[in-house]
PDB file of N, CA and C in Angstrom:
ATOM      1  N   PHE A   1     114.495 216.286   4.854  1.00  0.00           N
ATOM      2  CA  PHE A   1     114.001 215.060   5.481  1.00  0.00           C
ATOM      3  C   PHE A   1     115.129 214.370   6.219  1.00  0.00           C
ATOM      4  N   ASP A   2     114.789 213.875   7.361  1.00  0.00           N
ATOM      5  CA  ASP A   2     115.787 213.079   8.055  1.00  0.00           C
ATOM      6  C   ASP A   2     115.535 211.603   7.762  1.00  0.00           C
ATOM      7  N   LYS A   3     116.397 210.736   8.272  1.00  0.00           N
ATOM      8  CA  LYS A   3     116.330 209.305   7.946  1.00  0.00           C
ATOM      9  C   LYS A   3     115.028 208.659   8.411  1.00  0.00           C
ATOM     10  N   ILE A   4     114.484 209.084   9.529  1.00  0.00           N
ATOM     11  CA  ILE A   4     113.262 208.479  10.060  1.00  0.00           C
ATOM     12  C   ILE A   4     112.078 208.775   9.141  1.00  0.00           C
ATOM     13  N   GLN A   5     111.987 209.991   8.646  1.00  0.00           N
ATOM     14  CA  GLN A   5     110.896 210.337   7.740  1.00  0.00           C
ATOM     15  C   GLN A   5     111.000 209.565   6.427  1.00  0.00           C
ATOM     16  N   VAL A   6     112.191 209.425   5.895  1.00  0.00           N
ATOM     17  CA  VAL A   6     112.389 208.679   4.656  1.00  0.00           C
ATOM     18  C   VAL A   6     112.020 207.207   4.869  1.00  0.00           C
ATOM     19  N   MET A   7     112.441 206.645   5.972  1.00  0.00           N
ATOM     20  CA  MET A   7     112.127 205.244   6.272  1.00  0.00           C
ATOM     21  C   MET A   7     110.616 205.055   6.457  1.00  0.00           C
ATOM     22  N   LEU A   8     109.955 206.011   7.082  1.00  0.00           N
ATOM     23  CA  LEU A   8     108.517 205.933   7.284  1.00  0.00           C
ATOM     24  C   LEU A   8     107.777 205.991   5.943  1.00  0.00           C
ATOM     25  N   VAL A   9     108.189 206.862   5.054  1.00  0.00           N
ATOM     26  CA  VAL A   9     107.573 206.956   3.725  1.00  0.00           C
ATOM     27  C   VAL A   9     107.791 205.656   2.959  1.00  0.00           C
ATOM     28  N   LEU A  10     109.003 205.116   2.994  1.00  0.00           N
ATOM     29  CA  LEU A  10     109.283 203.850   2.313  1.00  0.00           C
ATOM     30  C   LEU A  10     108.461 202.705   2.906  1.00  0.00           C
ATOM     31  N   LEU A  11     108.284 202.690   4.197  1.00  0.00           N
ATOM     32  CA  LEU A  11     107.477 201.667   4.851  1.00  0.00           C
ATOM     33  C   LEU A  11     106.014 201.769   4.429  1.00  0.00           C
ATOM     34  N   ILE A  12     105.484 202.966   4.386  1.00  0.00           N
ATOM     35  CA  ILE A  12     104.086 203.167   3.978  1.00  0.00           C
ATOM     36  C   ILE A  12     103.889 202.743   2.527  1.00  0.00           C
ATOM     37  N   ILE A  13     104.802 203.124   1.650  1.00  0.00           N
ATOM     38  CA  ILE A  13     104.710 202.725   0.247  1.00  0.00           C
ATOM     39  C   ILE A  13     104.788 201.210   0.112  1.00  0.00           C
ATOM     40  N   SER A  14     105.683 200.582   0.866  1.00  0.00           N
ATOM     41  CA  SER A  14     105.815 199.124   0.812  1.00  0.00           C
ATOM     42  C   SER A  14     104.536 198.428   1.280  1.00  0.00           C
ATOM     43  N   VAL A  15     103.923 198.924   2.334  1.00  0.00           N
ATOM     44  CA  VAL A  15     102.687 198.333   2.844  1.00  0.00           C
ATOM     45  C   VAL A  15     101.564 198.474   1.820  1.00  0.00           C
ATOM     46  N   ILE A  16     101.461 199.635   1.191  1.00  0.00           N
ATOM     47  CA  ILE A  16     100.427 199.844   0.173  1.00  0.00           C
ATOM     48  C   ILE A  16     100.627 198.909  -1.014  1.00  0.00           C
ATOM     49  N   VAL A  17     101.848 198.768  -1.479  1.00  0.00           N
ATOM     50  CA  VAL A  17     102.142 197.869  -2.599  1.00  0.00           C
ATOM     51  C   VAL A  17     101.812 196.429  -2.221  1.00  0.00           C
ATOM     52  N   LEU A  18     102.169 196.003  -1.030  1.00  0.00           N
ATOM     53  CA  LEU A  18     101.869 194.640  -0.595  1.00  0.00           C
ATOM     54  C   LEU A  18     100.359 194.412  -0.463  1.00  0.00           C
ATOM     55  N   LEU A  19      99.635 195.387   0.035  1.00  0.00           N
ATOM     56  CA  LEU A  19      98.178 195.262   0.127  1.00  0.00           C
ATOM     57  C   LEU A  19      97.535 195.149  -1.254  1.00  0.00           C
ATOM     58  N   LEU A  20      97.984 195.962  -2.205  1.00  0.00           N
ATOM     59  CA  LEU A  20      97.463 195.873  -3.570  1.00  0.00           C
ATOM     60  C   LEU A  20      97.777 194.517  -4.198  1.00  0.00           C
ATOM     61  N   LEU A  21      98.972 194.020  -3.978  1.00  0.00           N
ATOM     62  CA  LEU A  21      99.353 192.706  -4.495  1.00  0.00           C
ATOM     63  C   LEU A  21      98.493 191.611  -3.866  1.00  0.00           C
ATOM     64  N   TYR A  22      98.263 191.702  -2.569  1.00  0.00           N
ATOM     65  CA  TYR A  22      97.410 190.721  -1.889  1.00  0.00           C
ATOM     66  C   TYR A  22      95.994 190.729  -2.454  1.00  0.00           C
ATOM     67  N   VAL A  23      95.411 191.923  -2.625  1.00  0.00           N
ATOM     68  CA  VAL A  23      94.054 192.029  -3.165  1.00  0.00           C
ATOM     69  C   VAL A  23      94.004 191.465  -4.586  1.00  0.00           C
ATOM     70  N   LYS A  24      95.010 191.773  -5.388  1.00  0.00           N
ATOM     71  CA  LYS A  24      95.058 191.257  -6.764  1.00  0.00           C
ATOM     72  C   LYS A  24      95.111 189.732  -6.765  1.00  0.00           C
ATOM     73  N   LEU A  25      95.954 189.150  -5.970  1.00  0.00           N
ATOM     74  CA  LEU A  25      96.095 187.692  -5.952  1.00  0.00           C
ATOM     75  C   LEU A  25      94.891 187.003  -5.330  1.00  0.00           C
ATOM     76  N   LYS A  26      94.289 187.614  -4.319  1.00  0.00           N
ATOM     77  CA  LYS A  26      93.170 186.996  -3.623  1.00  0.00           C
ATOM     78  C   LYS A  26      91.865 187.101  -4.399  1.00  0.00           C
ATOM     79  N   TYR A  27      91.586 188.261  -4.963  1.00  0.00           N
ATOM     80  CA  TYR A  27      90.274 188.502  -5.539  1.00  0.00           C
ATOM     81  C   TYR A  27      90.245 188.591  -7.060  1.00  0.00           C
ATOM     82  N   TYR A  28      91.373 188.658  -7.726  1.00  0.00           N
ATOM     83  CA  TYR A  28      91.386 188.828  -9.176  1.00  0.00           C
ATOM     84  C   TYR A  28      92.239 187.768  -9.864  1.00  0.00           C
ATOM     85  N   THR A  29      92.045 186.531  -9.504  1.00  0.00           N
ATOM     86  CA  THR A  29      92.704 185.431 -10.189  1.00  0.00           C
ATOM     87  C   THR A  29      91.648 184.404 -10.562  1.00  0.00           C
ATOM     88  N   LEU A  30      91.916 183.640 -11.605  1.00  0.00           N
ATOM     89  CA  LEU A  30      90.988 182.588 -11.997  1.00  0.00           C
ATOM     90  C   LEU A  30      90.896 181.551 -10.891  1.00  0.00           C
ATOM     91  N   ARG A  31      89.692 181.044 -10.690  1.00  0.00           N
ATOM     92  CA  ARG A  31      89.469 180.061  -9.623  1.00  0.00           C
ATOM     93  C   ARG A  31      88.992 178.759 -10.232  1.00  0.00           C
ATOM     94  N   GLY A  32      89.596 177.690  -9.809  1.00  0.00           N
ATOM     95  CA  GLY A  32      89.133 176.373 -10.211  1.00  0.00           C
ATOM     96  C   GLY A  32      89.428 176.042 -11.666  1.00  0.00           C
ATOM     97  N   PRO A  33      88.837 174.938 -12.126  1.00  0.00           N
ATOM     98  CA  PRO A  33      89.135 174.457 -13.480  1.00  0.00           C
ATOM     99  C   PRO A  33      88.297 175.118 -14.577  1.00  0.00           C
ATOM    100  N   ILE A  34      87.407 176.032 -14.238  1.00  0.00           N
ATOM    101  CA  ILE A  34      86.543 176.659 -15.238  1.00  0.00           C
ATOM    102  C   ILE A  34      87.380 177.652 -16.051  1.00  0.00           C
ATOM    103  N   PRO A  35      87.380 177.530 -17.387  1.00  0.00           N
ATOM    104  CA  PRO A  35      88.231 178.400 -18.206  1.00  0.00           C
ATOM    105  C   PRO A  35      87.695 179.826 -18.299  1.00  0.00           C
ATOM    106  N   GLY A  36      88.563 180.731 -18.695  1.00  0.00           N
ATOM    107  CA  GLY A  36      88.208 182.133 -18.876  1.00  0.00           C
ATOM    108  C   GLY A  36      89.459 182.979 -18.903  1.00  0.00           C
ATOM    109  N   LEU A  37      89.297 184.255 -19.197  1.00  0.00           N
ATOM    110  CA  LEU A  37      90.427 185.176 -19.185  1.00  0.00           C
ATOM    111  C   LEU A  37      90.780 185.551 -17.757  1.00  0.00           C
ATOM    112  N   SER A  38      92.057 185.741 -17.515  1.00  0.00           N
ATOM    113  CA  SER A  38      92.488 186.214 -16.214  1.00  0.00           C
ATOM    114  C   SER A  38      92.037 187.666 -16.059  1.00  0.00           C
ATOM    115  N   PRO A  39      91.363 188.005 -14.960  1.00  0.00           N
ATOM    116  CA  PRO A  39      90.792 189.351 -14.833  1.00  0.00           C
ATOM    117  C   PRO A  39      91.830 190.420 -14.516  1.00  0.00           C
ATOM    118  N   HIS A  40      91.558 191.640 -14.977  1.00  0.00           N
ATOM    119  CA  HIS A  40      92.366 192.801 -14.622  1.00  0.00           C
ATOM    120  C   HIS A  40      91.898 193.341 -13.274  1.00  0.00           C
ATOM    121  N   PHE A  41      92.800 193.981 -12.591  1.00  0.00           N
ATOM    122  CA  PHE A  41      92.511 194.565 -11.287  1.00  0.00           C
ATOM    123  C   PHE A  41      91.428 195.638 -11.437  1.00  0.00           C
ATOM    124  N   LEU A  42      90.347 195.531 -10.685  1.00  0.00           N
ATOM    125  CA  LEU A  42      89.196 196.429 -10.632  1.00  0.00           C
ATOM    126  C   LEU A  42      88.308 196.414 -11.882  1.00  0.00           C
ATOM    127  N   PHE A  43      88.823 196.027 -13.049  1.00  0.00           N
ATOM    128  CA  PHE A  43      88.028 196.033 -14.263  1.00  0.00           C
ATOM    129  C   PHE A  43      87.586 194.649 -14.703  1.00  0.00           C
ATOM    130  N   GLY A  44      88.121 193.606 -14.104  1.00  0.00           N
ATOM    131  CA  GLY A  44      87.753 192.251 -14.501  1.00  0.00           C
ATOM    132  C   GLY A  44      88.083 192.001 -15.953  1.00  0.00           C
ATOM    133  N   ASN A  45      87.108 191.508 -16.725  1.00  0.00           N
ATOM    134  CA  ASN A  45      87.295 191.246 -18.153  1.00  0.00           C
ATOM    135  C   ASN A  45      86.661 192.315 -19.033  1.00  0.00           C
ATOM    136  N   LEU A  46      86.251 193.431 -18.460  1.00  0.00           N
ATOM    137  CA  LEU A  46      85.559 194.460 -19.229  1.00  0.00           C
ATOM    138  C   LEU A  46      86.451 195.100 -20.287  1.00  0.00           C
ATOM    139  N   ILE A  47      87.727 195.303 -19.996  1.00  0.00           N
ATOM    140  CA  ILE A  47      88.645 195.898 -20.963  1.00  0.00           C
ATOM    141  C   ILE A  47      89.039 194.870 -22.016  1.00  0.00           C
ATOM    142  N   GLN A  48      89.432 193.662 -21.580  1.00  0.00           N
ATOM    143  CA  GLN A  48      89.904 192.629 -22.495  1.00  0.00           C
ATOM    144  C   GLN A  48      88.831 192.208 -23.492  1.00  0.00           C
ATOM    145  N   SER A  49      87.590 192.177 -23.054  1.00  0.00           N
ATOM    146  CA  SER A  49      86.514 191.688 -23.901  1.00  0.00           C
ATOM    147  C   SER A  49      86.019 192.733 -24.893  1.00  0.00           C
ATOM    148  N   GLY A  50      86.319 193.991 -24.669  1.00  0.00           N
ATOM    149  CA  GLY A  50      85.867 195.053 -25.556  1.00  0.00           C
ATOM    150  C   GLY A  50      84.588 195.714 -25.099  1.00  0.00           C
ATOM    151  N   MET A  51      84.035 195.308 -23.980  1.00  0.00           N
ATOM    152  CA  MET A  51      82.794 195.901 -23.494  1.00  0.00           C
ATOM    153  C   MET A  51      83.010 197.351 -23.073  1.00  0.00           C
ATOM    154  N   LEU A  52      84.122 197.619 -22.419  1.00  0.00           N
ATOM    155  CA  LEU A  52      84.353 198.955 -21.879  1.00  0.00           C
ATOM    156  C   LEU A  52      84.861 199.924 -22.943  1.00  0.00           C
ATOM    157  N   LEU A  53      85.828 199.503 -23.754  1.00  0.00           N
ATOM    158  CA  LEU A  53      86.447 200.426 -24.699  1.00  0.00           C
ATOM    159  C   LEU A  53      85.800 200.413 -26.085  1.00  0.00           C
ATOM    160  N   GLN A  54      85.365 199.244 -26.543  1.00  0.00           N
ATOM    161  CA  GLN A  54      84.805 199.142 -27.889  1.00  0.00           C
ATOM    162  C   GLN A  54      83.288 199.134 -27.903  1.00  0.00           C
ATOM    163  N   GLY A  55      82.666 199.039 -26.747  1.00  0.00           N
ATOM    164  CA  GLY A  55      81.213 199.083 -26.654  1.00  0.00           C
ATOM    165  C   GLY A  55      80.513 197.825 -27.142  1.00  0.00           C
ATOM    166  N   LYS A  56      81.191 196.680 -27.073  1.00  0.00           N
ATOM    167  CA  LYS A  56      80.552 195.431 -27.492  1.00  0.00           C
ATOM    168  C   LYS A  56      79.445 195.057 -26.516  1.00  0.00           C
ATOM    169  N   SER A  57      78.425 194.405 -27.019  1.00  0.00           N
ATOM    170  CA  SER A  57      77.316 193.975 -26.174  1.00  0.00           C
ATOM    171  C   SER A  57      77.670 192.666 -25.475  1.00  0.00           C
ATOM    172  N   PRO A  58      77.025 192.367 -24.349  1.00  0.00           N
ATOM    173  CA  PRO A  58      77.281 191.088 -23.677  1.00  0.00           C
ATOM    174  C   PRO A  58      77.010 189.874 -24.572  1.00  0.00           C
ATOM    175  N   VAL A  59      76.025 189.977 -25.463  1.00  0.00           N
ATOM    176  CA  VAL A  59      75.728 188.853 -26.356  1.00  0.00           C
ATOM    177  C   VAL A  59      76.911 188.570 -27.273  1.00  0.00           C
ATOM    178  N   GLU A  60      77.514 189.615 -27.841  1.00  0.00           N
ATOM    179  CA  GLU A  60      78.688 189.445 -28.699  1.00  0.00           C
ATOM    180  C   GLU A  60      79.849 188.837 -27.918  1.00  0.00           C
ATOM    181  N   ILE A  61      80.077 189.372 -26.744  1.00  0.00           N
ATOM    182  CA  ILE A  61      81.204 188.921 -25.931  1.00  0.00           C
ATOM    183  C   ILE A  61      81.017 187.471 -25.516  1.00  0.00           C
ATOM    184  N   PHE A  62      79.814 187.113 -25.060  1.00  0.00           N
ATOM    185  CA  PHE A  62      79.583 185.744 -24.612  1.00  0.00           C
ATOM    186  C   PHE A  62      79.674 184.751 -25.764  1.00  0.00           C
ATOM    187  N   SER A  63      79.265 185.143 -26.968  1.00  0.00           N
ATOM    188  CA  SER A  63      79.401 184.212 -28.099  1.00  0.00           C
ATOM    189  C   SER A  63      80.874 184.036 -28.470  1.00  0.00           C
ATOM    190  N   GLU A  64      81.684 185.103 -28.363  1.00  0.00           N
ATOM    191  CA  GLU A  64      83.126 184.974 -28.591  1.00  0.00           C
ATOM    192  C   GLU A  64      83.766 184.071 -27.538  1.00  0.00           C
ATOM    193  N   PHE A  65      83.390 184.282 -26.267  1.00  0.00           N
ATOM    194  CA  PHE A  65      83.948 183.459 -25.202  1.00  0.00           C
ATOM    195  C   PHE A  65      83.498 182.011 -25.348  1.00  0.00           C
ATOM    196  N   LYS A  66      82.257 181.788 -25.780  1.00  0.00           N
ATOM    197  CA  LYS A  66      81.764 180.424 -25.963  1.00  0.00           C
ATOM    198  C   LYS A  66      82.571 179.705 -27.035  1.00  0.00           C
ATOM    199  N   SER A  67      82.866 180.396 -28.134  1.00  0.00           N
ATOM    200  CA  SER A  67      83.660 179.752 -29.183  1.00  0.00           C
ATOM    201  C   SER A  67      85.099 179.524 -28.732  1.00  0.00           C
ATOM    202  N   ARG A  68      85.611 180.369 -27.847  1.00  0.00           N
ATOM    203  CA  ARG A  68      86.988 180.232 -27.375  1.00  0.00           C
ATOM    204  C   ARG A  68      87.120 179.224 -26.223  1.00  0.00           C
ATOM    205  N   TYR A  69      86.169 179.248 -25.264  1.00  0.00           N
ATOM    206  CA  TYR A  69      86.321 178.461 -24.046  1.00  0.00           C
ATOM    207  C   TYR A  69      85.323 177.315 -23.898  1.00  0.00           C
ATOM    208  N   GLY A  70      84.296 177.260 -24.709  1.00  0.00           N
ATOM    209  CA  GLY A  70      83.314 176.194 -24.592  1.00  0.00           C
ATOM    210  C   GLY A  70      82.026 176.681 -23.942  1.00  0.00           C
ATOM    211  N   ASP A  71      81.200 175.724 -23.517  1.00  0.00           N
ATOM    212  CA  ASP A  71      79.863 176.038 -23.014  1.00  0.00           C
ATOM    213  C   ASP A  71      79.839 176.622 -21.603  1.00  0.00           C
ATOM    214  N   ILE A  72      80.891 176.407 -20.826  1.00  0.00           N
ATOM    215  CA  ILE A  72      80.945 176.930 -19.456  1.00  0.00           C
ATOM    216  C   ILE A  72      82.256 177.700 -19.311  1.00  0.00           C
ATOM    217  N   PHE A  73      82.151 178.960 -18.844  1.00  0.00           N
ATOM    218  CA  PHE A  73      83.357 179.765 -18.658  1.00  0.00           C
ATOM    219  C   PHE A  73      83.106 180.824 -17.588  1.00  0.00           C
ATOM    220  N   GLN A  74      84.204 181.405 -17.098  1.00  0.00           N
ATOM    221  CA  GLN A  74      84.139 182.484 -16.111  1.00  0.00           C
ATOM    222  C   GLN A  74      84.194 183.824 -16.828  1.00  0.00           C
ATOM    223  N   PHE A  75      83.440 184.788 -16.319  1.00  0.00           N
ATOM    224  CA  PHE A  75      83.536 186.153 -16.815  1.00  0.00           C
ATOM    225  C   PHE A  75      83.456 187.089 -15.613  1.00  0.00           C
ATOM    226  N   TRP A  76      84.337 188.064 -15.579  1.00  0.00           N
ATOM    227  CA  TRP A  76      84.398 189.009 -14.466  1.00  0.00           C
ATOM    228  C   TRP A  76      83.844 190.365 -14.896  1.00  0.00           C
ATOM    229  N   PHE A  77      82.716 190.777 -14.303  1.00  0.00           N
ATOM    230  CA  PHE A  77      82.194 192.127 -14.469  1.00  0.00           C
ATOM    231  C   PHE A  77      82.788 192.962 -13.348  1.00  0.00           C
ATOM    232  N   GLY A  78      83.908 193.595 -13.634  1.00  0.00           N
ATOM    233  CA  GLY A  78      84.621 194.320 -12.586  1.00  0.00           C
ATOM    234  C   GLY A  78      85.108 193.321 -11.545  1.00  0.00           C
ATOM    235  N   PRO A  79      84.828 193.560 -10.271  1.00  0.00           N
ATOM    236  CA  PRO A  79      85.298 192.652  -9.227  1.00  0.00           C
ATOM    237  C   PRO A  79      84.400 191.438  -9.001  1.00  0.00           C
ATOM    238  N   THR A  80      83.301 191.311  -9.754  1.00  0.00           N
ATOM    239  CA  THR A  80      82.351 190.225  -9.530  1.00  0.00           C
ATOM    240  C   THR A  80      82.527 189.133 -10.577  1.00  0.00           C
ATOM    241  N   ARG A  81      82.680 187.907 -10.109  1.00  0.00           N
ATOM    242  CA  ARG A  81      82.863 186.770 -11.007  1.00  0.00           C
ATOM    243  C   ARG A  81      81.522 186.113 -11.299  1.00  0.00           C
ATOM    244  N   TYR A  82      81.286 185.820 -12.587  1.00  0.00           N
ATOM    245  CA  TYR A  82      80.097 185.094 -13.010  1.00  0.00           C
ATOM    246  C   TYR A  82      80.531 183.855 -13.765  1.00  0.00           C
ATOM    247  N   ILE A  83      79.791 182.783 -13.565  1.00  0.00           N
ATOM    248  CA  ILE A  83      80.009 181.566 -14.334  1.00  0.00           C
ATOM    249  C   ILE A  83      78.880 181.498 -15.351  1.00  0.00           C
ATOM    250  N   ILE A  84      79.249 181.507 -16.629  1.00  0.00           N
ATOM    251  CA  ILE A  84      78.288 181.519 -17.724  1.00  0.00           C
ATOM    252  C   ILE A  84      78.117 180.085 -18.226  1.00  0.00           C
ATOM    253  N   VAL A  85      76.872 179.629 -18.303  1.00  0.00           N
ATOM    254  CA  VAL A  85      76.537 178.285 -18.784  1.00  0.00           C
ATOM    255  C   VAL A  85      75.632 178.451 -19.994  1.00  0.00           C
ATOM    256  N   SER A  86      75.998 177.829 -21.131  1.00  0.00           N
ATOM    257  CA  SER A  86      75.200 178.034 -22.339  1.00  0.00           C
ATOM    258  C   SER A  86      74.757 176.736 -23.015  1.00  0.00           C
ATOM    259  N   ASN A  87      75.040 175.596 -22.430  1.00  0.00           N
ATOM    260  CA  ASN A  87      74.605 174.324 -22.999  1.00  0.00           C
ATOM    261  C   ASN A  87      73.257 173.952 -22.387  1.00  0.00           C
ATOM    262  N   ALA A  88      72.294 173.583 -23.241  1.00  0.00           N
ATOM    263  CA  ALA A  88      70.940 173.273 -22.760  1.00  0.00           C
ATOM    264  C   ALA A  88      70.938 172.106 -21.777  1.00  0.00           C
ATOM    265  N   ASN A  89      71.772 171.094 -21.999  1.00  0.00           N
ATOM    266  CA  ASN A  89      71.826 169.954 -21.074  1.00  0.00           C
ATOM    267  C   ASN A  89      72.367 170.365 -19.708  1.00  0.00           C
ATOM    268  N   ASP A  90      73.380 171.220 -19.704  1.00  0.00           N
ATOM    269  CA  ASP A  90      73.923 171.703 -18.437  1.00  0.00           C
ATOM    270  C   ASP A  90      72.901 172.556 -17.690  1.00  0.00           C
ATOM    271  N   ILE A  91      72.182 173.388 -18.428  1.00  0.00           N
ATOM    272  CA  ILE A  91      71.160 174.235 -17.808  1.00  0.00           C
ATOM    273  C   ILE A  91      70.036 173.375 -17.237  1.00  0.00           C
ATOM    274  N   GLN A  92      69.664 172.325 -17.962  1.00  0.00           N
ATOM    275  CA  GLN A  92      68.633 171.408 -17.455  1.00  0.00           C
ATOM    276  C   GLN A  92      69.101 170.738 -16.161  1.00  0.00           C
ATOM    277  N   HIS A  93      70.382 170.351 -16.104  1.00  0.00           N
ATOM    278  CA  HIS A  93      70.929 169.753 -14.883  1.00  0.00           C
ATOM    279  C   HIS A  93      70.872 170.750 -13.721  1.00  0.00           C
ATOM    280  N   ILE A  94      71.192 172.009 -13.998  1.00  0.00           N
ATOM    281  CA  ILE A  94      71.156 173.033 -12.955  1.00  0.00           C
ATOM    282  C   ILE A  94      69.730 173.220 -12.446  1.00  0.00           C
ATOM    283  N   PHE A  95      68.752 173.294 -13.363  1.00  0.00           N
ATOM    284  CA  PHE A  95      67.365 173.467 -12.951  1.00  0.00           C
ATOM    285  C   PHE A  95      66.832 172.245 -12.220  1.00  0.00           C
ATOM    286  N   THR A  96      67.275 171.062 -12.604  1.00  0.00           N
ATOM    287  CA  THR A  96      66.834 169.841 -11.938  1.00  0.00           C
ATOM    288  C   THR A  96      67.378 169.777 -10.512  1.00  0.00           C
ATOM    289  N   ASN A  97      68.569 170.285 -10.291  1.00  0.00           N
ATOM    290  CA  ASN A  97      69.219 170.256  -8.975  1.00  0.00           C
ATOM    291  C   ASN A  97      69.271 171.663  -8.375  1.00  0.00           C
ATOM    292  N   ARG A  98      68.125 172.327  -8.352  1.00  0.00           N
ATOM    293  CA  ARG A  98      68.076 173.718  -7.884  1.00  0.00           C
ATOM    294  C   ARG A  98      68.539 173.875  -6.438  1.00  0.00           C
ATOM    295  N   HIS A  99      68.380 172.863  -5.621  1.00  0.00           N
ATOM    296  CA  HIS A  99      68.809 172.970  -4.226  1.00  0.00           C
ATOM    297  C   HIS A  99      70.320 173.176  -4.119  1.00  0.00           C
ATOM    298  N   ILE A 100      71.061 172.804  -5.144  1.00  0.00           N
ATOM    299  CA  ILE A 100      72.512 173.001  -5.155  1.00  0.00           C
ATOM    300  C   ILE A 100      72.873 174.355  -5.748  1.00  0.00           C
ATOM    301  N   TYR A 101      72.144 174.782  -6.782  1.00  0.00           N
ATOM    302  CA  TYR A 101      72.560 175.929  -7.583  1.00  0.00           C
ATOM    303  C   TYR A 101      71.777 177.213  -7.344  1.00  0.00           C
ATOM    304  N   ASP A 102      70.760 177.221  -6.498  1.00  0.00           N
ATOM    305  CA  ASP A 102      69.979 178.447  -6.296  1.00  0.00           C
ATOM    306  C   ASP A 102      70.860 179.579  -5.786  1.00  0.00           C
ATOM    307  N   GLN A 103      70.507 180.792  -6.191  1.00  0.00           N
ATOM    308  CA  GLN A 103      71.246 181.983  -5.796  1.00  0.00           C
ATOM    309  C   GLN A 103      70.376 182.831  -4.874  1.00  0.00           C
ATOM    310  N   GLY A 104      71.026 183.677  -4.109  1.00  0.00           N
ATOM    311  CA  GLY A 104      70.302 184.555  -3.198  1.00  0.00           C
ATOM    312  C   GLY A 104      69.724 185.777  -3.892  1.00  0.00           C
ATOM    313  N   ASN A 105      69.007 186.590  -3.145  1.00  0.00           N
ATOM    314  CA  ASN A 105      68.360 187.780  -3.699  1.00  0.00           C
ATOM    315  C   ASN A 105      69.363 188.805  -4.213  1.00  0.00           C
ATOM    316  N   MET A 106      70.546 188.910  -3.577  1.00  0.00           N
ATOM    317  CA  MET A 106      71.548 189.868  -4.040  1.00  0.00           C
ATOM    318  C   MET A 106      72.002 189.526  -5.460  1.00  0.00           C
ATOM    319  N   PHE A 107      72.194 188.234  -5.732  1.00  0.00           N
ATOM    320  CA  PHE A 107      72.577 187.811  -7.075  1.00  0.00           C
ATOM    321  C   PHE A 107      71.489 188.169  -8.080  1.00  0.00           C
ATOM    322  N   ILE A 108      70.251 187.929  -7.724  1.00  0.00           N
ATOM    323  CA  ILE A 108      69.130 188.203  -8.630  1.00  0.00           C
ATOM    324  C   ILE A 108      69.064 189.695  -8.947  1.00  0.00           C
ATOM    325  N   GLU A 109      69.256 190.552  -7.944  1.00  0.00           N
ATOM    326  CA  GLU A 109      69.228 191.991  -8.176  1.00  0.00           C
ATOM    327  C   GLU A 109      70.368 192.433  -9.090  1.00  0.00           C
ATOM    328  N   GLN A 110      71.577 191.905  -8.867  1.00  0.00           N
ATOM    329  CA  GLN A 110      72.712 192.258  -9.717  1.00  0.00           C
ATOM    330  C   GLN A 110      72.495 191.774 -11.146  1.00  0.00           C
ATOM    331  N   PHE A 111      72.057 190.545 -11.295  1.00  0.00           N
ATOM    332  CA  PHE A 111      71.879 189.959 -12.624  1.00  0.00           C
ATOM    333  C   PHE A 111      70.792 190.695 -13.391  1.00  0.00           C
ATOM    334  N   SER A 112      69.686 191.018 -12.723  1.00  0.00           N
ATOM    335  CA  SER A 112      68.599 191.693 -13.427  1.00  0.00           C
ATOM    336  C   SER A 112      68.985 193.120 -13.806  1.00  0.00           C
ATOM    337  N   THR A 113      69.923 193.727 -13.111  1.00  0.00           N
ATOM    338  CA  THR A 113      70.411 195.043 -13.494  1.00  0.00           C
ATOM    339  C   THR A 113      71.262 194.947 -14.755  1.00  0.00           C
ATOM    340  N   LEU A 114      72.120 193.929 -14.831  1.00  0.00           N
ATOM    341  CA  LEU A 114      72.987 193.759 -15.995  1.00  0.00           C
ATOM    342  C   LEU A 114      72.227 193.256 -17.208  1.00  0.00           C
ATOM    343  N   PHE A 115      71.282 192.333 -16.995  1.00  0.00           N
ATOM    344  CA  PHE A 115      70.548 191.709 -18.097  1.00  0.00           C
ATOM    345  C   PHE A 115      69.052 191.764 -17.806  1.00  0.00           C
ATOM    346  N   PRO A 116      68.419 192.883 -18.105  1.00  0.00           N
ATOM    347  CA  PRO A 116      66.999 193.014 -17.764  1.00  0.00           C
ATOM    348  C   PRO A 116      66.104 192.007 -18.482  1.00  0.00           C
ATOM    349  N   ASN A 117      66.534 191.470 -19.614  1.00  0.00           N
ATOM    350  CA  ASN A 117      65.734 190.495 -20.353  1.00  0.00           C
ATOM    351  C   ASN A 117      66.209 189.072 -20.119  1.00  0.00           C
ATOM    352  N   GLY A 118      67.151 188.862 -19.187  1.00  0.00           N
ATOM    353  CA  GLY A 118      67.687 187.530 -18.928  1.00  0.00           C
ATOM    354  C   GLY A 118      66.718 186.668 -18.139  1.00  0.00           C
ATOM    355  N   TYR A 119      66.940 185.366 -18.195  1.00  0.00           N
ATOM    356  CA  TYR A 119      66.099 184.414 -17.481  1.00  0.00           C
ATOM    357  C   TYR A 119      66.755 184.100 -16.143  1.00  0.00           C
ATOM    358  N   ILE A 120      66.040 184.304 -15.063  1.00  0.00           N
ATOM    359  CA  ILE A 120      66.574 184.118 -13.719  1.00  0.00           C
ATOM    360  C   ILE A 120      65.672 183.151 -12.970  1.00  0.00           C
ATOM    361  N   THR A 121      66.276 182.156 -12.317  1.00  0.00           N
ATOM    362  CA  THR A 121      65.468 181.280 -11.460  1.00  0.00           C
ATOM    363  C   THR A 121      65.351 181.928 -10.106  1.00  0.00           C
ATOM    364  N   LEU A 122      64.159 182.043  -9.615  1.00  0.00           N
ATOM    365  CA  LEU A 122      63.934 182.680  -8.323  1.00  0.00           C
ATOM    366  C   LEU A 122      63.906 181.614  -7.236  1.00  0.00           C
ATOM    367  N   THR A 123      64.424 181.968  -6.074  1.00  0.00           N
ATOM    368  CA  THR A 123      64.399 181.033  -4.956  1.00  0.00           C
ATOM    369  C   THR A 123      62.965 180.886  -4.471  1.00  0.00           C
ATOM    370  N   GLY A 124      62.633 179.680  -4.013  1.00  0.00           N
ATOM    371  CA  GLY A 124      61.258 179.389  -3.634  1.00  0.00           C
ATOM    372  C   GLY A 124      60.953 179.865  -2.268  1.00  0.00           C
TER     373      GLY A 124
END
């Protein structure tokens, strides 16, 4: 190898590392004041929570997170962030102000795939 080839390889490696760092910081960091675990790159909280390696159910994981973080927390299913709300008063507020909190059809399809027995508000 001559110097130009070595420099080109080092440049390509540096660009790839910087792109991975950018994606990690942009898409896999906690957002806002809502508590939760910091997500892992590409896996979110699936490894930390035990869903991927230990086979824990979402109900077990959410009850553990509720006791650790309270009634509202963030959970990352891979690269997708979800805000979990488990207090009846908060849920009533969300349903009362549906014009603020309604989700699109893509969210409904994703949620119903993950939780086929879950309760989903449909857009009118």
